[in-house]
């Protein structure tokens, strides 16, 4: 019975016990919280990076289908010495800086201010963000076009390349 009297006389924790428990709890939870925040940051970075890669693949799919429909005869590479507003069918409000341009029939693809753009029907559309480089290489026989897009997302770079062969 003396044990029960001792338990009944005790009315809770002392201030020192509560502070010690709080200190131990904070020592355990702080690293767990930091790990959780770091995991969310890594997940967000990876999500943005994978989105950029998927956008490049979408761009390649679109260009590939347009080239196959139009044929290689309606496809040309325009080097960086030509300004976009000097091209036929492009209105004066188009970007005026020298750019690498891929023309497929009446659609132009080019990089301006870190974004890959599409100019079609007198309108400009941004297709990809965070683009560092857009390279078009055509073989002399006209049977193959190699496209290369370099993207950078939060310091992480990747160059994705594709080859488009003539349909015949």
Protein backbone atom coordinates (compact mmCIF):
# COMPACT_ATOMS: atom_id res chain seq x y z
CA UNK A 1 0.00 0.00 0.00
CA UNK A 2 2.86 2.38 0.53
CA UNK A 3 3.54 2.22 -3.18
CA UNK A 4 0.02 3.44 -3.96
CA UNK A 5 0.40 6.35 -1.51
CA UNK A 6 3.59 7.43 -3.26
CA UNK A 7 1.92 7.33 -6.67
CA UNK A 8 -1.12 9.25 -5.40
CA UNK A 9 1.05 11.93 -3.84
CA UNK A 10 2.88 12.59 -7.10
CA UNK A 11 0.93 15.20 -9.10
CA UNK A 12 2.80 15.23 -12.44
CA UNK A 13 6.15 16.12 -13.92
CA UNK A 14 8.48 18.67 -12.49
CA UNK A 15 9.69 21.54 -14.66
CA UNK A 16 13.13 19.99 -14.99
CA UNK A 17 11.68 16.67 -16.18
CA UNK A 18 9.54 18.46 -18.77
CA UNK A 19 12.53 20.44 -20.07
CA UNK A 20 14.69 17.32 -20.32
CA UNK A 21 11.93 15.49 -22.21
CA UNK A 22 11.53 18.47 -24.57
CA UNK A 23 15.28 18.61 -25.22
CA UNK A 24 15.46 14.90 -26.01
CA UNK A 25 12.42 15.16 -28.27
CA UNK A 26 13.92 18.09 -30.19
CA UNK A 27 17.22 16.23 -30.62
CA UNK A 28 15.35 13.31 -32.15
CA UNK A 29 12.86 15.25 -34.30
CA UNK A 30 15.18 17.91 -35.75
CA UNK A 31 17.21 15.51 -37.94
CA UNK A 32 14.03 13.73 -38.99
CA UNK A 33 12.45 17.05 -40.00
CA UNK A 34 15.58 18.09 -41.93
CA UNK A 35 15.65 14.75 -43.74
CA UNK A 36 12.00 15.14 -44.66
CA UNK A 37 12.55 18.68 -46.01
CA UNK A 38 15.58 17.50 -47.99
CA UNK A 39 13.50 14.67 -49.45
CA UNK A 40 10.80 17.11 -50.59
CA UNK A 41 13.47 19.33 -52.18
CA UNK A 42 15.03 16.40 -54.04
CA UNK A 43 11.60 15.23 -55.18
CA UNK A 44 10.75 18.71 -56.51
CA UNK A 45 14.07 19.00 -58.36
CA UNK A 46 13.68 15.56 -59.89
CA UNK A 47 10.09 16.29 -60.89
CA UNK A 48 11.14 19.50 -62.69
CA UNK A 49 14.03 17.69 -64.39
CA UNK A 50 11.85 14.80 -65.57
CA UNK A 51 9.22 17.26 -66.81
CA UNK A 52 11.87 19.01 -68.91
CA UNK A 53 13.03 15.67 -70.34
CA UNK A 54 9.43 14.70 -71.15
CA UNK A 55 8.90 18.07 -72.86
CA UNK A 56 11.96 17.44 -75.04
CA UNK A 57 10.56 14.03 -76.00
CA UNK A 58 7.21 15.66 -76.84
CA UNK A 59 9.04 18.21 -79.02
CA UNK A 60 10.93 15.42 -80.82
CA UNK A 61 7.69 13.52 -81.43
CA UNK A 62 6.06 16.62 -82.92
CA UNK A 63 9.02 17.47 -85.14
CA UNK A 64 9.43 13.87 -86.26
CA UNK A 65 5.79 13.57 -87.30
CA UNK A 66 5.84 16.98 -89.04
CA UNK A 67 8.99 16.10 -90.98
CA UNK A 68 7.60 12.73 -91.99
CA UNK A 69 4.36 14.34 -93.18
CA UNK A 70 6.03 17.24 -94.97
CA UNK A 71 9.00 15.29 -96.27
CA UNK A 72 12.63 16.28 -96.27
CA UNK A 73 12.13 18.55 -99.28
CA UNK A 74 10.02 20.93 -97.14
CA UNK A 75 12.51 20.85 -94.25
CA UNK A 76 15.55 23.08 -93.92
CA UNK A 77 18.10 24.22 -91.39
CA UNK A 78 18.73 27.96 -91.23
CA UNK A 79 22.00 28.89 -89.57
CA UNK A 80 22.61 31.50 -86.88
CA UNK A 81 23.44 34.29 -89.34
CA UNK A 82 19.80 34.67 -90.34
CA UNK A 83 17.39 36.67 -88.22
CA UNK A 84 13.98 35.12 -87.75
CA UNK A 85 12.11 38.23 -88.90
CA UNK A 86 13.91 38.01 -92.27
CA UNK A 87 12.42 34.63 -93.12
CA UNK A 88 9.50 34.28 -95.52
CA UNK A 89 6.09 34.17 -93.87
CA UNK A 90 7.32 35.61 -90.56
CA UNK A 91 5.88 38.93 -89.44
CA UNK A 92 7.98 41.78 -88.07
CA UNK A 93 7.11 41.12 -84.42
CA UNK A 94 9.09 37.87 -84.33
CA UNK A 95 12.35 37.75 -82.35
CA UNK A 96 15.09 39.55 -84.21
CA UNK A 97 18.18 37.96 -82.67
CA UNK A 98 20.17 35.46 -84.74
CA UNK A 99 18.98 31.95 -83.95
CA UNK A 100 19.31 28.34 -85.09
CA UNK A 101 16.11 27.70 -86.96
CA UNK A 102 14.55 24.46 -88.13
CA UNK A 103 11.84 25.08 -90.71
CA UNK A 104 9.35 22.33 -91.42
CA UNK A 105 6.97 23.52 -94.11
CA UNK A 106 5.41 26.66 -92.54
CA UNK A 107 6.53 26.04 -88.93
CA UNK A 108 9.76 27.41 -87.45
CA UNK A 109 11.49 26.03 -84.34
CA UNK A 110 14.20 28.11 -82.64
CA UNK A 111 15.74 29.03 -79.27
CA UNK A 112 15.30 32.54 -77.90
CA UNK A 113 16.01 33.70 -74.32
CA UNK A 114 16.55 30.19 -72.95
CA UNK A 115 13.35 28.73 -74.37
CA UNK A 116 12.64 26.58 -77.39
CA UNK A 117 9.89 28.26 -79.38
CA UNK A 118 7.60 27.37 -82.22
CA UNK A 119 6.50 30.01 -84.74
CA UNK A 120 3.41 28.96 -86.66
CA UNK A 121 0.56 30.85 -88.29
CA UNK A 122 2.00 34.25 -87.24
CA UNK A 123 2.00 33.22 -83.57
CA UNK A 124 4.86 32.32 -81.27
CA UNK A 125 4.50 29.44 -78.81
CA UNK A 126 6.95 28.49 -76.08
CA UNK A 127 7.48 24.74 -76.11
CA UNK A 128 10.38 24.21 -73.68
CA UNK A 129 11.95 26.22 -70.90
CA UNK A 130 15.55 26.03 -69.59
CA UNK A 131 17.03 25.31 -73.03
CA UNK A 132 20.75 26.05 -73.33
CA UNK A 133 21.34 24.83 -76.85
CA UNK A 134 19.49 23.66 -79.95
CA UNK A 135 21.64 22.06 -82.64
CA UNK A 136 20.47 20.84 -86.02
CA UNK A 137 22.80 18.74 -88.14
CA UNK A 138 21.85 17.47 -91.58
CA UNK A 139 23.83 14.92 -93.56
CA UNK A 140 24.84 15.85 -97.09
CA UNK A 141 22.66 13.24 -98.74
CA UNK A 142 19.55 14.69 -97.09
CA UNK A 143 18.49 11.34 -95.64
CA UNK A 144 19.02 12.13 -91.95
CA UNK A 145 18.55 15.04 -89.59
CA UNK A 146 20.10 14.96 -86.13
CA UNK A 147 18.50 17.21 -83.51
CA UNK A 148 20.14 17.92 -80.19
CA UNK A 149 18.57 19.87 -77.32
CA UNK A 150 20.50 20.72 -74.15
CA UNK A 151 18.36 21.57 -71.11
CA UNK A 152 19.43 22.75 -67.67
CA UNK A 153 17.21 22.47 -64.61
CA UNK A 154 18.61 23.79 -61.32
CA UNK A 155 22.21 23.23 -62.32
CA UNK A 156 21.63 19.80 -63.83
CA UNK A 157 22.28 19.60 -67.58
CA UNK A 158 21.38 16.97 -70.11
CA UNK A 159 21.73 16.83 -73.87
CA UNK A 160 19.13 14.74 -75.63
CA UNK A 161 19.68 13.80 -79.23
CA UNK A 162 17.47 12.19 -81.82
CA UNK A 163 17.83 11.19 -85.43
CA UNK A 164 15.08 11.56 -87.99
CA UNK A 165 15.46 9.55 -91.18
CA UNK A 166 13.79 10.25 -94.48
CA UNK A 167 10.65 8.17 -94.80
CA UNK A 168 11.77 6.51 -98.04
